[in-house]
Amino acid sequence: MFDPIAPTGVYFVQRHYPVPYKSELVYYRKGSAGSRLNPDDVDERVVSGYDLLHITGITLAISESARLAVFKALKHAKRVSMDTNIRLKLWPSKEEAREVILRALERVEILITDPDDAAVLFGVSKFEEVLTALKGYPVRTLVFKRGTKGVVLSCDGKVYEQRAFDAPVEDPTGAGDALSGAFCALYLRGFSPLYALKSAVAAATLVVSVRGDQEAIPSQEDAERFLKAFEGR
């Protein structure tokens, strides 16, 4: 979105320090144009015209008006996917993050999360425990990211697992976004859950192989070439 007065939000990435192969982020988003997103910016006709609405915990965190915009969109979406993406630096408190995200979860069909975020939301961090905690919510598909241990997927009662690929890590920033985007796009187009999962992990692996979170976002064809190369080993 464009705002003639508010600045563009920025964040800085500190790579591989103090923990190798991990990044530390410093955010400057308060008062940014993005944080001024509000319910008037949401056209319910546009939202209801799409097959899937994807939201993240970051939009819920950056301002009260952005949060209200998300909840307005949720009312009109056909289907919803959410990456919890909890960045506590952006929230007033852990308790508020939990309350708001769990409220949004009442409209979510596809949930993408990890052990750390699950601990904030449910007080548990294991895949099976999270599945139990989700009873009572409309979530039918759980994508559970485990870093170097790979990803576990629960979809309509079936469980799939995809190991992480042994590939060089230049910059881990953006891995989760690549995984979420690839999985939702392929799953929504009717590909099998396992194919969508494998391709999503491949996309995340390719993204972290170079610096920047957008520079190496692959096409479906590139992800397939990557998978063929690794599966042929």
Protein backbone atom coordinates (compact mmCIF):
# COMPACT_ATOMS: atom_id res chain seq x y z
CA MET A 1 0.00 0.00 0.00
CA PHE A 2 1.05 3.62 -0.51
CA ASP A 3 0.90 6.41 2.05
CA PRO A 4 2.08 9.92 1.10
CA ILE A 5 3.24 10.70 4.65
CA ALA A 6 4.21 7.51 6.46
CA PRO A 7 7.67 6.00 5.83
CA THR A 8 8.36 2.59 4.39
CA GLY A 9 8.94 0.02 7.11
CA VAL A 10 12.39 -1.56 7.16
CA TYR A 11 14.25 -4.25 9.04
CA PHE A 12 17.90 -5.18 9.28
CA VAL A 13 19.26 -8.71 9.15
CA GLN A 14 22.27 -9.88 11.16
CA ARG A 15 23.35 -13.18 9.64
CA HIS A 16 25.08 -16.13 11.33
CA TYR A 17 25.75 -14.23 14.56
CA PRO A 18 25.68 -15.07 17.40
CA VAL A 19 24.19 -18.41 16.25
CA PRO A 20 25.61 -19.91 13.02
CA TYR A 21 23.06 -20.40 10.20
CA LYS A 22 20.48 -18.24 11.96
CA SER A 23 19.56 -14.59 11.47
CA GLU A 24 18.66 -11.90 13.99
CA LEU A 25 16.20 -9.25 12.78
CA VAL A 26 15.84 -5.65 13.96
CA TYR A 27 12.51 -4.05 13.00
CA TYR A 28 11.64 -0.42 12.28
CA ARG A 29 7.94 -0.70 11.48
CA LYS A 30 6.15 1.52 13.97
CA GLY A 31 4.26 4.24 12.12
CA SER A 32 5.14 2.76 8.72
CA ALA A 33 2.81 2.86 5.71
CA GLY A 34 2.12 -0.84 6.13
CA SER A 35 1.13 -0.37 9.76
CA ARG A 36 -1.55 2.10 8.65
CA LEU A 37 -3.48 -0.65 6.89
CA ASN A 38 -7.07 -0.38 8.14
CA PRO A 39 -10.48 -1.97 7.53
CA ASP A 40 -11.37 0.62 4.88
CA ASP A 41 -8.52 -0.77 2.76
CA VAL A 42 -10.20 -4.19 2.64
CA ASP A 43 -12.67 -4.69 -0.22
CA GLU A 44 -14.83 -7.62 0.83
CA ARG A 45 -15.80 -8.28 -2.80
CA VAL A 46 -12.16 -8.77 -3.72
CA VAL A 47 -11.47 -10.99 -0.71
CA SER A 48 -14.52 -13.18 -1.34
CA GLY A 49 -13.53 -13.55 -4.99
CA TYR A 50 -10.32 -15.44 -4.21
CA ASP A 51 -10.07 -19.13 -3.39
CA LEU A 52 -7.72 -18.58 -0.44
CA LEU A 53 -6.77 -15.77 1.93
CA HIS A 54 -3.30 -16.12 3.47
CA ILE A 55 -2.50 -14.21 6.66
CA THR A 56 0.47 -14.08 9.01
CA GLY A 57 1.03 -13.14 12.61
CA ILE A 58 3.09 -10.15 11.52
CA THR A 59 0.13 -8.26 10.05
CA LEU A 60 -1.78 -8.95 13.25
CA ALA A 61 1.12 -7.51 15.26
CA ILE A 62 2.12 -4.29 13.52
CA SER A 63 -0.87 -2.14 14.57
CA GLU A 64 -4.42 -2.22 15.88
CA SER A 65 -5.80 -0.92 12.57
CA ALA A 66 -3.97 -3.61 10.59
CA ARG A 67 -5.34 -6.20 12.99
CA LEU A 68 -8.89 -4.98 12.42
CA ALA A 69 -8.30 -5.12 8.67
CA VAL A 70 -7.27 -8.77 8.95
CA PHE A 71 -10.35 -9.69 10.97
CA LYS A 72 -12.58 -7.93 8.45
CA ALA A 73 -10.97 -9.93 5.63
CA LEU A 74 -11.42 -13.16 7.59
CA LYS A 75 -15.18 -12.62 7.66
CA HIS A 76 -15.36 -12.63 3.86
CA ALA A 77 -12.76 -15.24 2.89
CA LYS A 78 -13.75 -18.57 1.35
CA ARG A 79 -10.80 -20.41 2.87
CA VAL A 80 -7.95 -19.20 5.08
CA SER A 81 -4.34 -20.23 5.59
CA MET A 82 -2.16 -18.74 8.31
CA ASP A 83 1.53 -18.76 9.11
CA THR A 84 1.69 -17.92 12.81
CA ASN A 85 5.03 -16.17 12.27
CA ILE A 86 5.20 -14.83 15.83
CA ARG A 87 7.77 -12.06 16.22
CA LEU A 88 7.56 -11.07 19.87
CA LYS A 89 9.56 -7.90 19.18
CA LEU A 90 6.48 -6.62 17.32
CA TRP A 91 3.93 -7.49 20.01
CA PRO A 92 3.20 -5.56 23.24
CA SER A 93 3.26 -8.87 25.11
CA LYS A 94 3.34 -12.63 24.63
CA GLU A 95 -0.15 -12.85 26.13
CA GLU A 96 -1.59 -10.44 23.57
CA ALA A 97 0.05 -12.36 20.73
CA ARG A 98 -1.52 -15.56 21.98
CA GLU A 99 -5.00 -14.07 22.43
CA VAL A 100 -5.14 -12.38 19.03
CA ILE A 101 -3.70 -15.25 17.00
CA LEU A 102 -5.95 -17.82 18.66
CA ARG A 103 -8.93 -15.62 17.81
CA ALA A 104 -7.84 -15.56 14.16
CA LEU A 105 -7.34 -19.32 14.28
CA GLU A 106 -11.11 -19.73 14.60
CA ARG A 107 -11.30 -19.06 10.83
CA VAL A 108 -8.21 -20.96 9.68
CA GLU A 109 -8.25 -24.16 7.60
CA ILE A 110 -4.51 -24.45 6.84
CA LEU A 111 -2.12 -23.69 9.72
CA ILE A 112 1.63 -23.31 9.30
CA THR A 113 3.62 -23.10 12.52
CA ASP A 114 6.68 -24.38 14.39
CA PRO A 115 7.61 -25.57 17.91
CA ASP A 116 8.46 -22.09 19.22
CA ASP A 117 5.22 -20.52 18.03
CA ALA A 118 3.21 -23.51 19.23
CA ALA A 119 4.70 -23.08 22.70
CA VAL A 120 3.47 -19.48 22.78
CA LEU A 121 -0.02 -20.39 21.56
CA PHE A 122 -0.71 -23.73 23.19
CA GLY A 123 2.01 -24.28 25.79
CA VAL A 124 3.21 -27.37 23.90
CA SER A 125 5.85 -27.83 21.21
CA LYS A 126 5.54 -31.38 19.84
CA PHE A 127 3.64 -32.22 16.67
CA GLU A 128 1.23 -34.67 18.30
CA GLU A 129 0.56 -32.26 21.16
CA VAL A 130 -0.24 -29.45 18.74
CA LEU A 131 -2.71 -31.67 16.88
CA THR A 132 -4.47 -32.33 20.16
CA ALA A 133 -4.48 -28.63 21.04
CA LEU A 134 -6.11 -27.82 17.68
CA LYS A 135 -9.22 -29.86 18.43
CA GLY A 136 -12.12 -27.44 18.48
CA TYR A 137 -10.59 -25.26 15.76
CA PRO A 138 -11.48 -25.63 12.04
CA VAL A 139 -7.89 -26.48 11.07
CA ARG A 140 -7.84 -29.43 8.64
CA THR A 141 -4.22 -29.11 7.53
CA LEU A 142 -1.23 -28.56 9.83
CA VAL A 143 2.20 -27.82 8.39
CA PHE A 144 4.68 -28.17 11.26
CA LYS A 145 8.14 -26.77 10.52
CA ARG A 146 11.06 -28.26 12.46
CA GLY A 147 14.10 -26.58 10.92
CA THR A 148 16.89 -29.02 10.11
CA LYS A 149 14.62 -31.92 11.13
CA GLY A 150 12.28 -31.23 8.23
CA VAL A 151 8.52 -30.74 8.13
CA VAL A 152 5.59 -32.85 9.31
CA LEU A 153 2.20 -32.47 7.66
CA SER A 154 -1.21 -33.54 8.91
CA CYS A 155 -3.89 -33.36 6.23
CA ASP A 156 -7.41 -34.72 6.67
CA GLY A 157 -6.25 -37.22 9.26
CA LYS A 158 -3.19 -38.48 7.37
CA VAL A 159 0.38 -37.67 8.39
CA TYR A 160 3.28 -37.05 6.00
CA GLU A 161 6.91 -36.25 6.76
CA GLN A 162 9.58 -34.63 4.63
CA ARG A 163 13.20 -34.50 5.72
CA ALA A 164 15.28 -31.38 5.32
CA PHE A 165 17.64 -31.36 2.35
CA ASP A 166 21.36 -31.22 3.03
CA ALA A 167 22.21 -28.02 1.19
CA PRO A 168 24.34 -24.95 2.00
CA VAL A 169 22.66 -22.14 3.98
CA GLU A 170 23.68 -18.62 3.03
CA ASP A 171 20.75 -16.71 4.54
CA PRO A 172 17.79 -18.35 6.35
CA THR A 173 15.62 -15.25 6.00
CA GLY A 174 12.51 -15.97 3.96
CA ALA A 175 12.55 -19.76 4.23
CA GLY A 176 9.19 -19.89 6.00
CA ASP A 177 7.50 -17.57 3.50
CA ALA A 178 8.77 -19.64 0.58
CA LEU A 179 7.56 -22.84 2.20
CA SER A 180 4.13 -21.41 2.99
CA GLY A 181 3.63 -19.94 -0.47
CA ALA A 182 4.71 -23.06 -2.33
CA PHE A 183 2.65 -25.42 -0.21
CA CYS A 184 -0.55 -23.38 -0.36
CA ALA A 185 -0.25 -22.70 -4.09
CA LEU A 186 0.27 -26.36 -5.01
CA TYR A 187 -2.22 -27.78 -2.53
CA LEU A 188 -4.86 -25.31 -3.70
CA ARG A 189 -4.27 -26.37 -7.32
CA GLY A 190 -5.08 -29.97 -6.48
CA PHE A 191 -1.63 -31.53 -6.16
CA SER A 192 -1.24 -34.27 -3.59
CA PRO A 193 -0.35 -33.21 -0.03
CA LEU A 194 2.97 -35.08 -0.24
CA TYR A 195 3.96 -33.43 -3.54
CA ALA A 196 3.02 -30.01 -2.18
CA LEU A 197 5.06 -30.70 0.97
CA LYS A 198 8.16 -31.89 -0.90
CA SER A 199 8.03 -28.95 -3.30
CA ALA A 200 7.57 -26.51 -0.42
CA VAL A 201 10.65 -27.82 1.39
CA ALA A 202 12.58 -27.63 -1.89
CA ALA A 203 11.48 -24.01 -2.37
CA ALA A 204 12.59 -23.09 1.15
CA THR A 205 15.95 -24.79 0.59
CA LEU A 206 16.55 -22.86 -2.62
CA VAL A 207 15.65 -19.55 -0.98
CA VAL A 208 18.16 -19.97 1.86
CA SER A 209 20.95 -20.82 -0.59
CA VAL A 210 21.47 -17.14 -1.49
CA ARG A 211 21.30 -13.83 0.38
CA GLY A 212 17.93 -12.12 0.49
CA ASP A 213 14.46 -13.51 1.08
CA GLN A 214 13.13 -13.00 -2.47
CA GLU A 215 16.11 -13.37 -4.76
CA ALA A 216 15.86 -17.16 -5.16
CA ILE A 217 12.13 -17.84 -5.00
CA PRO A 218 11.88 -20.75 -7.46
CA SER A 219 9.35 -21.65 -10.10
CA GLN A 220 7.58 -24.99 -9.83
CA GLU A 221 9.86 -26.29 -12.57
CA ASP A 222 13.00 -25.28 -10.65
CA ALA A 223 11.69 -26.98 -7.51
CA GLU A 224 11.05 -30.15 -9.52
CA ARG A 225 14.59 -30.08 -10.94
CA PHE A 226 15.93 -29.69 -7.42
CA LEU A 227 13.87 -32.65 -6.18
CA LYS A 228 14.97 -34.87 -9.05
CA ALA A 229 18.62 -34.06 -8.36
CA PHE A 230 18.32 -34.89 -4.65
CA GLU A 231 16.13 -37.94 -5.07
CA GLY A 232 18.58 -39.30 -7.63
CA ARG A 233 21.41 -39.36 -5.10
